C-alpha atoms as a PDB file:
ATOM      1  CA  UNK A   1     183.111 137.051 102.548  1.00  0.00           C
ATOM      2  CA  UNK A   2     183.461 136.971  98.774  1.00  0.00           C
ATOM      3  CA  UNK A   3     186.749 136.331  97.005  1.00  0.00           C
ATOM      4  CA  UNK A   4     186.690 139.875  95.667  1.00  0.00           C
ATOM      5  CA  UNK A   5     186.207 141.379  99.114  1.00  0.00           C
ATOM      6  CA  UNK A   6     188.961 139.202 100.537  1.00  0.00           C
ATOM      7  CA  UNK A   7     191.395 140.136  97.759  1.00  0.00           C
ATOM      8  CA  UNK A   8     190.625 143.815  98.185  1.00  0.00           C
ATOM      9  CA  UNK A   9     191.180 143.669 101.960  1.00  0.00           C
ATOM     10  CA  UNK A  10     194.485 141.848 101.404  1.00  0.00           C
ATOM     11  CA  UNK A  11     195.733 144.620  99.110  1.00  0.00           C
ATOM     12  CA  UNK A  12     194.612 147.283 101.572  1.00  0.00           C
ATOM     13  CA  UNK A  13     196.427 145.465 104.360  1.00  0.00           C
ATOM     14  CA  UNK A  14     193.271 144.847 106.396  1.00  0.00           C
ATOM     15  CA  UNK A  15     193.798 141.100 106.571  1.00  0.00           C
ATOM     16  CA  UNK A  16     196.965 139.010 106.135  1.00  0.00           C
ATOM     17  CA  UNK A  17     197.589 137.204 102.883  1.00  0.00           C
ATOM     18  CA  UNK A  18     196.689 133.548 103.190  1.00  0.00           C
ATOM     19  CA  UNK A  19     199.396 130.923 102.926  1.00  0.00           C
ATOM     20  CA  UNK A  20     199.806 129.674  99.387  1.00  0.00           C
ATOM     21  CA  UNK A  21     199.823 126.031  98.468  1.00  0.00           C
ATOM     22  CA  UNK A  22     203.326 124.795  97.589  1.00  0.00           C
ATOM     23  CA  UNK A  23     201.927 122.697  94.730  1.00  0.00           C
ATOM     24  CA  UNK A  24     201.131 125.731  92.582  1.00  0.00           C
ATOM     25  CA  UNK A  25     204.070 126.374  90.277  1.00  0.00           C
ATOM     26  CA  UNK A  26     203.199 130.020  89.641  1.00  0.00           C
ATOM     27  CA  UNK A  27     203.535 130.892  93.359  1.00  0.00           C
ATOM     28  CA  UNK A  28     207.320 130.710  93.000  1.00  0.00           C
ATOM     29  CA  UNK A  29     207.450 132.636  89.745  1.00  0.00           C
ATOM     30  CA  UNK A  30     208.549 136.275  89.984  1.00  0.00           C
ATOM     31  CA  UNK A  31     206.251 138.863  88.380  1.00  0.00           C
ATOM     32  CA  UNK A  32     206.512 139.265  84.621  1.00  0.00           C
ATOM     33  CA  UNK A  33     207.674 142.853  84.275  1.00  0.00           C
ATOM     34  CA  UNK A  34     210.502 144.755  82.631  1.00  0.00           C
ATOM     35  CA  UNK A  35     212.341 147.382  84.645  1.00  0.00           C
ATOM     36  CA  UNK A  36     213.353 149.791  81.951  1.00  0.00           C
ATOM     37  CA  UNK A  37     213.271 153.243  83.521  1.00  0.00           C
ATOM     38  CA  UNK A  38     215.619 154.615  80.870  1.00  0.00           C
ATOM     39  CA  UNK A  39     213.405 153.636  77.958  1.00  0.00           C
ATOM     40  CA  UNK A  40     212.633 156.458  75.529  1.00  0.00           C
ATOM     41  CA  UNK A  41     209.519 154.699  74.276  1.00  0.00           C
ATOM     42  CA  UNK A  42     206.472 156.635  75.430  1.00  0.00           C
ATOM     43  CA  UNK A  43     203.954 154.851  73.232  1.00  0.00           C
ATOM     44  CA  UNK A  44     204.153 151.447  74.870  1.00  0.00           C
ATOM     45  CA  UNK A  45     205.237 151.701  78.475  1.00  0.00           C
ATOM     46  CA  UNK A  46     207.333 148.797  79.687  1.00  0.00           C
ATOM     47  CA  UNK A  47     207.659 150.191  83.221  1.00  0.00           C
ATOM     48  CA  UNK A  48     204.901 150.012  85.809  1.00  0.00           C
ATOM     49  CA  UNK A  49     204.606 151.716  89.173  1.00  0.00           C
ATOM     50  CA  UNK A  50     204.788 149.602  92.361  1.00  0.00           C
ATOM     51  CA  UNK A  51     201.074 150.214  92.964  1.00  0.00           C
ATOM     52  CA  UNK A  52     200.129 149.054  89.467  1.00  0.00           C
ATOM     53  CA  UNK A  53     202.420 146.036  89.833  1.00  0.00           C
ATOM     54  CA  UNK A  54     200.651 145.045  93.042  1.00  0.00           C
ATOM     55  CA  UNK A  55     197.191 145.496  91.545  1.00  0.00           C
ATOM     56  CA  UNK A  56     198.053 143.462  88.435  1.00  0.00           C
ATOM     57  CA  UNK A  57     199.597 140.747  90.621  1.00  0.00           C
ATOM     58  CA  UNK A  58     196.313 140.473  92.545  1.00  0.00           C
ATOM     59  CA  UNK A  59     194.279 140.440  89.317  1.00  0.00           C
ATOM     60  CA  UNK A  60     196.539 137.666  88.038  1.00  0.00           C
ATOM     61  CA  UNK A  61     196.063 135.681  91.238  1.00  0.00           C
ATOM     62  CA  UNK A  62     192.287 135.978  90.981  1.00  0.00           C
ATOM     63  CA  UNK A  63     192.584 134.358  87.547  1.00  0.00           C
ATOM     64  CA  UNK A  64     194.741 131.557  88.953  1.00  0.00           C
ATOM     65  CA  UNK A  65     192.317 130.926  91.802  1.00  0.00           C
ATOM     66  CA  UNK A  66     189.320 130.601  89.507  1.00  0.00           C
ATOM     67  CA  UNK A  67     188.133 127.009  89.275  1.00  0.00           C
ATOM     68  CA  UNK A  68     188.555 125.921  85.668  1.00  0.00           C
ATOM     69  CA  UNK A  69     185.134 124.273  85.728  1.00  0.00           C
ATOM     70  CA  UNK A  70     183.416 127.490  86.820  1.00  0.00           C
ATOM     71  CA  UNK A  71     181.941 130.003  84.452  1.00  0.00           C
ATOM     72  CA  UNK A  72     184.317 132.786  83.467  1.00  0.00           C
ATOM     73  CA  UNK A  73     181.385 135.172  83.891  1.00  0.00           C
ATOM     74  CA  UNK A  74     181.901 135.008  87.669  1.00  0.00           C
ATOM     75  CA  UNK A  75     185.617 135.717  87.293  1.00  0.00           C
ATOM     76  CA  UNK A  76     184.828 138.710  85.069  1.00  0.00           C
ATOM     77  CA  UNK A  77     182.594 140.085  87.836  1.00  0.00           C
ATOM     78  CA  UNK A  78     185.344 139.582  90.433  1.00  0.00           C
ATOM     79  CA  UNK A  79     187.967 141.268  88.279  1.00  0.00           C
ATOM     80  CA  UNK A  80     185.613 144.127  87.511  1.00  0.00           C
ATOM     81  CA  UNK A  81     184.787 144.666  91.190  1.00  0.00           C
ATOM     82  CA  UNK A  82     188.426 144.597  92.186  1.00  0.00           C
ATOM     83  CA  UNK A  83     189.288 146.953  89.311  1.00  0.00           C
ATOM     84  CA  UNK A  84     186.816 149.547  90.548  1.00  0.00           C
ATOM     85  CA  UNK A  85     187.974 149.212  94.149  1.00  0.00           C
ATOM     86  CA  UNK A  86     191.570 149.961  93.135  1.00  0.00           C
ATOM     87  CA  UNK A  87     190.822 152.545  90.418  1.00  0.00           C
ATOM     88  CA  UNK A  88     192.485 150.222  87.931  1.00  0.00           C
ATOM     89  CA  UNK A  89     191.632 149.739  84.243  1.00  0.00           C
ATOM     90  CA  UNK A  90     190.357 146.994  81.984  1.00  0.00           C
ATOM     91  CA  UNK A  91     193.807 147.034  80.401  1.00  0.00           C
ATOM     92  CA  UNK A  92     195.237 146.114  83.832  1.00  0.00           C
ATOM     93  CA  UNK A  93     192.760 143.227  83.988  1.00  0.00           C
ATOM     94  CA  UNK A  94     193.872 142.021  80.553  1.00  0.00           C
ATOM     95  CA  UNK A  95     197.521 142.254  81.625  1.00  0.00           C
ATOM     96  CA  UNK A  96     196.863 140.190  84.747  1.00  0.00           C
ATOM     97  CA  UNK A  97     194.846 137.599  82.828  1.00  0.00           C
ATOM     98  CA  UNK A  98     197.504 137.296  80.111  1.00  0.00           C
ATOM     99  CA  UNK A  99     200.258 136.863  82.701  1.00  0.00           C
ATOM    100  CA  UNK A 100     198.202 134.104  84.328  1.00  0.00           C
ATOM    101  CA  UNK A 101     197.707 132.384  80.956  1.00  0.00           C
ATOM    102  CA  UNK A 102     201.432 132.502  80.198  1.00  0.00           C
ATOM    103  CA  UNK A 103     202.214 131.016  83.605  1.00  0.00           C
ATOM    104  CA  UNK A 104     199.650 128.248  83.104  1.00  0.00           C
ATOM    105  CA  UNK A 105     201.233 127.424  79.746  1.00  0.00           C
ATOM    106  CA  UNK A 106     204.638 127.382  81.418  1.00  0.00           C
ATOM    107  CA  UNK A 107     203.353 125.083  84.163  1.00  0.00           C
ATOM    108  CA  UNK A 108     201.993 122.632  81.586  1.00  0.00           C
ATOM    109  CA  UNK A 109     205.285 122.605  79.691  1.00  0.00           C
ATOM    110  CA  UNK A 110     207.256 122.180  82.916  1.00  0.00           C
ATOM    111  CA  UNK A 111     205.152 119.175  83.862  1.00  0.00           C
ATOM    112  CA  UNK A 112     205.720 117.731  80.411  1.00  0.00           C
ATOM    113  CA  UNK A 113     209.458 118.311  80.696  1.00  0.00           C
ATOM    114  CA  UNK A 114     209.647 116.128  83.818  1.00  0.00           C
ATOM    115  CA  UNK A 115     209.173 113.090  81.621  1.00  0.00           C
ATOM    116  CA  UNK A 116     211.814 114.254  79.137  1.00  0.00           C
ATOM    117  CA  UNK A 117     215.497 113.430  79.356  1.00  0.00           C
ATOM    118  CA  UNK A 118     216.159 117.001  78.167  1.00  0.00           C
ATOM    119  CA  UNK A 119     213.810 119.551  79.819  1.00  0.00           C
ATOM    120  CA  UNK A 120     214.337 122.105  77.052  1.00  0.00           C
ATOM    121  CA  UNK A 121     212.634 119.777  74.551  1.00  0.00           C
ATOM    122  CA  UNK A 122     209.208 120.717  75.959  1.00  0.00           C
ATOM    123  CA  UNK A 123     209.861 124.413  75.394  1.00  0.00           C
ATOM    124  CA  UNK A 124     210.035 124.354  71.619  1.00  0.00           C
ATOM    125  CA  UNK A 125     208.113 127.035  69.692  1.00  0.00           C
ATOM    126  CA  UNK A 126     205.751 124.391  68.303  1.00  0.00           C
ATOM    127  CA  UNK A 127     204.840 122.937  71.700  1.00  0.00           C
ATOM    128  CA  UNK A 128     204.536 126.402  73.191  1.00  0.00           C
ATOM    129  CA  UNK A 129     202.182 127.436  70.364  1.00  0.00           C
ATOM    130  CA  UNK A 130     200.026 124.343  70.876  1.00  0.00           C
ATOM    131  CA  UNK A 131     199.608 124.895  74.615  1.00  0.00           C
ATOM    132  CA  UNK A 132     199.097 128.627  74.174  1.00  0.00           C
ATOM    133  CA  UNK A 133     196.234 128.085  71.731  1.00  0.00           C
ATOM    134  CA  UNK A 134     194.583 125.651  74.165  1.00  0.00           C
ATOM    135  CA  UNK A 135     194.780 128.131  77.047  1.00  0.00           C
ATOM    136  CA  UNK A 136     193.726 131.156  75.036  1.00  0.00           C
ATOM    137  CA  UNK A 137     190.735 129.255  73.633  1.00  0.00           C
ATOM    138  CA  UNK A 138     189.545 128.597  77.189  1.00  0.00           C
ATOM    139  CA  UNK A 139     189.896 132.263  78.208  1.00  0.00           C
ATOM    140  CA  UNK A 140     188.215 133.838  75.159  1.00  0.00           C
ATOM    141  CA  UNK A 141     184.942 134.596  77.053  1.00  0.00           C
ATOM    142  CA  UNK A 142     186.871 136.543  79.693  1.00  0.00           C
ATOM    143  CA  UNK A 143     188.799 138.573  77.128  1.00  0.00           C
ATOM    144  CA  UNK A 144     185.516 139.347  75.364  1.00  0.00           C
ATOM    145  CA  UNK A 145     184.009 140.764  78.553  1.00  0.00           C
ATOM    146  CA  UNK A 146     187.114 142.801  79.364  1.00  0.00           C
ATOM    147  CA  UNK A 147     187.504 144.223  75.862  1.00  0.00           C
ATOM    148  CA  UNK A 148     185.646 147.529  75.976  1.00  0.00           C
ATOM    149  CA  UNK A 149     186.342 148.191  72.306  1.00  0.00           C
ATOM    150  CA  UNK A 150     184.348 145.122  71.277  1.00  0.00           C
ATOM    151  CA  UNK A 151     181.597 145.649  73.855  1.00  0.00           C
ATOM    152  CA  UNK A 152     180.976 149.200  72.668  1.00  0.00           C
ATOM    153  CA  UNK A 153     181.240 148.316  68.999  1.00  0.00           C
ATOM    154  CA  UNK A 154     183.894 150.983  68.611  1.00  0.00           C
ATOM    155  CA  UNK A 155     185.688 151.292  65.293  1.00  0.00           C
ATOM    156  CA  UNK A 156     188.817 152.661  66.974  1.00  0.00           C
ATOM    157  CA  UNK A 157     192.015 151.334  65.432  1.00  0.00           C
ATOM    158  CA  UNK A 158     193.383 149.920  68.678  1.00  0.00           C
ATOM    159  CA  UNK A 159     191.815 149.427  72.087  1.00  0.00           C
ATOM    160  CA  UNK A 160     193.936 149.745  75.214  1.00  0.00           C
ATOM    161  CA  UNK A 161     192.853 146.277  76.370  1.00  0.00           C
ATOM    162  CA  UNK A 162     194.097 144.581  73.199  1.00  0.00           C
ATOM    163  CA  UNK A 163     197.308 146.612  73.288  1.00  0.00           C
ATOM    164  CA  UNK A 164     197.820 145.461  76.894  1.00  0.00           C
ATOM    165  CA  UNK A 165     197.583 141.836  75.761  1.00  0.00           C
ATOM    166  CA  UNK A 166     200.174 142.334  73.030  1.00  0.00           C
ATOM    167  CA  UNK A 167     202.476 144.321  75.306  1.00  0.00           C
ATOM    168  CA  UNK A 168     202.381 141.567  77.940  1.00  0.00           C
ATOM    169  CA  UNK A 169     203.628 139.028  75.414  1.00  0.00           C
ATOM    170  CA  UNK A 170     206.277 141.458  74.211  1.00  0.00           C
ATOM    171  CA  UNK A 171     207.573 142.333  77.673  1.00  0.00           C
ATOM    172  CA  UNK A 172     207.741 138.645  78.594  1.00  0.00           C
ATOM    173  CA  UNK A 173     209.810 137.934  75.489  1.00  0.00           C
ATOM    174  CA  UNK A 174     212.151 140.797  76.386  1.00  0.00           C
ATOM    175  CA  UNK A 175     212.852 139.734  79.964  1.00  0.00           C
ATOM    176  CA  UNK A 176     216.558 139.622  80.725  1.00  0.00           C
ATOM    177  CA  UNK A 177     217.989 136.147  81.105  1.00  0.00           C
ATOM    178  CA  UNK A 178     221.358 135.112  82.402  1.00  0.00           C
ATOM    179  CA  UNK A 179     224.040 134.348  79.773  1.00  0.00           C
ATOM    180  CA  UNK A 180     224.334 130.758  80.966  1.00  0.00           C
ATOM    181  CA  UNK A 181     220.610 130.249  80.432  1.00  0.00           C
ATOM    182  CA  UNK A 182     220.793 131.558  76.881  1.00  0.00           C
ATOM    183  CA  UNK A 183     223.551 129.142  75.925  1.00  0.00           C
ATOM    184  CA  UNK A 184     222.367 126.147  77.954  1.00  0.00           C
ATOM    185  CA  UNK A 185     218.569 126.257  78.404  1.00  0.00           C
ATOM    186  CA  UNK A 186     218.585 122.648  79.550  1.00  0.00           C
ATOM    187  CA  UNK A 187     220.211 123.848  82.803  1.00  0.00           C
ATOM    188  CA  UNK A 188     216.673 124.334  84.188  1.00  0.00           C
ATOM    189  CA  UNK A 189     216.373 128.156  84.387  1.00  0.00           C
ATOM    190  CA  UNK A 190     213.519 129.750  86.280  1.00  0.00           C
ATOM    191  CA  UNK A 191     210.101 129.625  84.570  1.00  0.00           C
ATOM    192  CA  UNK A 192     210.091 133.257  83.479  1.00  0.00           C
ATOM    193  CA  UNK A 193     213.432 132.784  81.739  1.00  0.00           C
ATOM    194  CA  UNK A 194     212.072 129.699  80.013  1.00  0.00           C
ATOM    195  CA  UNK A 195     209.083 131.721  78.779  1.00  0.00           C
ATOM    196  CA  UNK A 196     211.324 134.539  77.609  1.00  0.00           C
ATOM    197  CA  UNK A 197     213.623 132.196  75.711  1.00  0.00           C
ATOM    198  CA  UNK A 198     210.837 130.342  73.921  1.00  0.00           C
ATOM    199  CA  UNK A 199     208.993 133.568  73.049  1.00  0.00           C
ATOM    200  CA  UNK A 200     212.065 135.105  71.436  1.00  0.00           C
ATOM    201  CA  UNK A 201     212.878 131.879  69.572  1.00  0.00           C
ATOM    202  CA  UNK A 202     211.620 132.203  66.003  1.00  0.00           C
ATOM    203  CA  UNK A 203     208.833 131.618  65.032  1.00  0.00           C
ATOM    204  CA  UNK A 204     207.205 131.726  68.497  1.00  0.00           C
ATOM    205  CA  UNK A 205     206.248 135.401  68.381  1.00  0.00           C
ATOM    206  CA  UNK A 206     204.697 134.965  64.950  1.00  0.00           C
ATOM    207  CA  UNK A 207     202.669 132.101  66.468  1.00  0.00           C
ATOM    208  CA  UNK A 208     201.525 134.452  69.246  1.00  0.00           C
ATOM    209  CA  UNK A 209     200.343 137.147  66.842  1.00  0.00           C
ATOM    210  CA  UNK A 210     198.681 134.639  64.529  1.00  0.00           C
ATOM    211  CA  UNK A 211     196.891 132.839  67.383  1.00  0.00           C
ATOM    212  CA  UNK A 212     195.594 136.084  68.913  1.00  0.00           C
ATOM    213  CA  UNK A 213     194.345 137.055  65.448  1.00  0.00           C
ATOM    214  CA  UNK A 214     192.831 133.668  64.570  1.00  0.00           C
ATOM    215  CA  UNK A 215     190.933 133.446  67.874  1.00  0.00           C
ATOM    216  CA  UNK A 216     189.745 137.055  67.438  1.00  0.00           C
ATOM    217  CA  UNK A 217     191.204 138.071  70.782  1.00  0.00           C
ATOM    218  CA  UNK A 218     193.158 140.904  69.177  1.00  0.00           C
ATOM    219  CA  UNK A 219     191.968 142.623  65.996  1.00  0.00           C
ATOM    220  CA  UNK A 220     194.241 142.935  62.991  1.00  0.00           C
ATOM    221  CA  UNK A 221     193.995 146.732  63.298  1.00  0.00           C
ATOM    222  CA  UNK A 222     195.435 146.507  66.803  1.00  0.00           C
ATOM    223  CA  UNK A 223     198.262 144.206  65.726  1.00  0.00           C
ATOM    224  CA  UNK A 224     199.187 146.588  62.914  1.00  0.00           C
ATOM    225  CA  UNK A 225     198.940 149.565  65.273  1.00  0.00           C
ATOM    226  CA  UNK A 226     201.254 147.809  67.732  1.00  0.00           C
ATOM    227  CA  UNK A 227     203.679 146.994  64.923  1.00  0.00           C
ATOM    228  CA  UNK A 228     203.601 150.613  63.789  1.00  0.00           C
ATOM    229  CA  UNK A 229     204.436 151.957  67.244  1.00  0.00           C
ATOM    230  CA  UNK A 230     207.318 149.514  67.650  1.00  0.00           C
ATOM    231  CA  UNK A 231     208.653 150.345  64.191  1.00  0.00           C
ATOM    232  CA  UNK A 232     208.411 154.087  64.897  1.00  0.00           C
ATOM    233  CA  UNK A 233     210.225 153.698  68.204  1.00  0.00           C
ATOM    234  CA  UNK A 234     213.014 151.703  66.565  1.00  0.00           C
ATOM    235  CA  UNK A 235     213.327 154.260  63.761  1.00  0.00           C
ATOM    236  CA  UNK A 236     213.579 157.080  66.315  1.00  0.00           C
ATOM    237  CA  UNK A 237     216.354 155.184  68.090  1.00  0.00           C
ATOM    238  CA  UNK A 238     218.127 154.800  64.765  1.00  0.00           C
ATOM    239  CA  UNK A 239     217.864 158.511  63.939  1.00  0.00           C
ATOM    240  CA  UNK A 240     219.059 159.572  67.376  1.00  0.00           C
ATOM    241  CA  UNK A 241     222.063 157.314  67.644  1.00  0.00           C
ATOM    242  CA  UNK A 242     222.263 155.085  64.639  1.00  0.00           C
ATOM    243  CA  UNK A 243     222.531 152.107  66.980  1.00  0.00           C
ATOM    244  CA  UNK A 244     220.402 150.674  69.743  1.00  0.00           C
ATOM    245  CA  UNK A 245     220.923 152.440  73.060  1.00  0.00           C
ATOM    246  CA  UNK A 246     221.100 149.327  75.201  1.00  0.00           C
ATOM    247  CA  UNK A 247     220.549 145.589  75.297  1.00  0.00           C
ATOM    248  CA  UNK A 248     216.779 146.071  75.735  1.00  0.00           C
ATOM    249  CA  UNK A 249     216.512 148.070  72.504  1.00  0.00           C
ATOM    250  CA  UNK A 250     218.598 145.497  70.647  1.00  0.00           C
ATOM    251  CA  UNK A 251     216.449 142.657  71.974  1.00  0.00           C
ATOM    252  CA  UNK A 252     213.297 144.463  70.914  1.00  0.00           C
ATOM    253  CA  UNK A 253     214.642 145.106  67.419  1.00  0.00           C
ATOM    254  CA  UNK A 254     215.738 141.478  67.060  1.00  0.00           C
ATOM    255  CA  UNK A 255     212.318 140.210  68.169  1.00  0.00           C
ATOM    256  CA  UNK A 256     210.369 142.585  65.920  1.00  0.00           C
ATOM    257  CA  UNK A 257     212.497 142.059  62.816  1.00  0.00           C
ATOM    258  CA  UNK A 258     212.306 138.264  62.821  1.00  0.00           C
ATOM    259  CA  UNK A 259     211.458 137.202  59.273  1.00  0.00           C
ATOM    260  CA  UNK A 260     208.476 135.029  60.249  1.00  0.00           C
ATOM    261  CA  UNK A 261     206.958 137.878  62.267  1.00  0.00           C
ATOM    262  CA  UNK A 262     207.475 140.334  59.417  1.00  0.00           C
ATOM    263  CA  UNK A 263     205.922 137.864  56.947  1.00  0.00           C
ATOM    264  CA  UNK A 264     202.782 137.690  59.076  1.00  0.00           C
ATOM    265  CA  UNK A 265     202.596 141.469  59.495  1.00  0.00           C
ATOM    266  CA  UNK A 266     202.969 141.911  55.727  1.00  0.00           C
ATOM    267  CA  UNK A 267     200.146 139.431  55.160  1.00  0.00           C
ATOM    268  CA  UNK A 268     197.927 141.349  57.608  1.00  0.00           C
ATOM    269  CA  UNK A 269     198.631 144.611  55.805  1.00  0.00           C
ATOM    270  CA  UNK A 270     197.678 143.040  52.474  1.00  0.00           C
ATOM    271  CA  UNK A 271     194.477 141.655  53.986  1.00  0.00           C
ATOM    272  CA  UNK A 272     193.567 145.054  55.402  1.00  0.00           C
ATOM    273  CA  UNK A 273     194.169 146.713  52.034  1.00  0.00           C
ATOM    274  CA  UNK A 274     192.031 144.105  50.281  1.00  0.00           C
ATOM    275  CA  UNK A 275     189.205 144.559  52.794  1.00  0.00           C
ATOM    276  CA  UNK A 276     189.421 148.306  52.349  1.00  0.00           C
ATOM    277  CA  UNK A 277     189.211 148.019  48.556  1.00  0.00           C
ATOM    278  CA  UNK A 278     186.236 145.638  48.809  1.00  0.00           C
ATOM    279  CA  UNK A 279     184.509 148.078  51.135  1.00  0.00           C
ATOM    280  CA  UNK A 280     185.077 150.933  48.683  1.00  0.00           C
ATOM    281  CA  UNK A 281     183.677 148.841  45.805  1.00  0.00           C
ATOM    282  CA  UNK A 282     180.550 148.025  47.820  1.00  0.00           C
ATOM    283  CA  UNK A 283     180.046 151.705  48.607  1.00  0.00           C
ATOM    284  CA  UNK A 284     180.358 152.599  44.923  1.00  0.00           C
ATOM    285  CA  UNK A 285     177.797 149.984  43.950  1.00  0.00           C
ATOM    286  CA  UNK A 286     175.327 151.236  46.544  1.00  0.00           C
ATOM    287  CA  UNK A 287     175.737 154.834  45.344  1.00  0.00           C
ATOM    288  CA  UNK A 288     174.905 153.761  41.798  1.00  0.00           C
END
């Protein structure tokens, strides 16, 4: 029985889930999701149905169970087969893969922290960025196969798969953490809280956007589209009430308006404008 068939039968309840090894740190990590049923943002959904949660959790586990020495082509086939069996999407696959990558980064940092007198030292933005780039570099072939925008050669401004990747990082950064964790991160909070804290610590999120762009996992058009939807949502909140409706809106505004993140977005906009002008000049020369 293939891994895909086994995973599918587990989800359908036809066979019991196998016992997980206690040595895998991600087995004890709760799912990375935001419960925000009252959110007015309809452009980027931060709430997922129980069925979608379960499917993404299984897609994530398939990524974890893939032997690192094996070709990612086989994993892409497994994810694709499971996706079709559950009527899921490639965006769901990208969400599951990105969650797995974040958890692998967290595991590496946790292992590093065991040799530190202060565990929080290993969760600095710089160390997080270094480990994230290493993991993302390994998973580039999988993202390439899952990205339907790139496979089809579409010129669409933003593919759903790339938006799913960005949204996963955003939702992880916006996870609620306990007040004691925020003030004393060295108190060994759960892994998801550690990830949330480091992602919202400037300039971590700028590192995320820059790394996704540099490795060509997410196109600059998609990053700018994501930024535009977030900005629009925040402006709508401001028009409606003048203040953020709840802690989640405030956290999102704080994350988005970090100066380092805005500097990078401004640079991307300038690059896009320059590319557009160069393209127009080339067209004029050809017409002559």
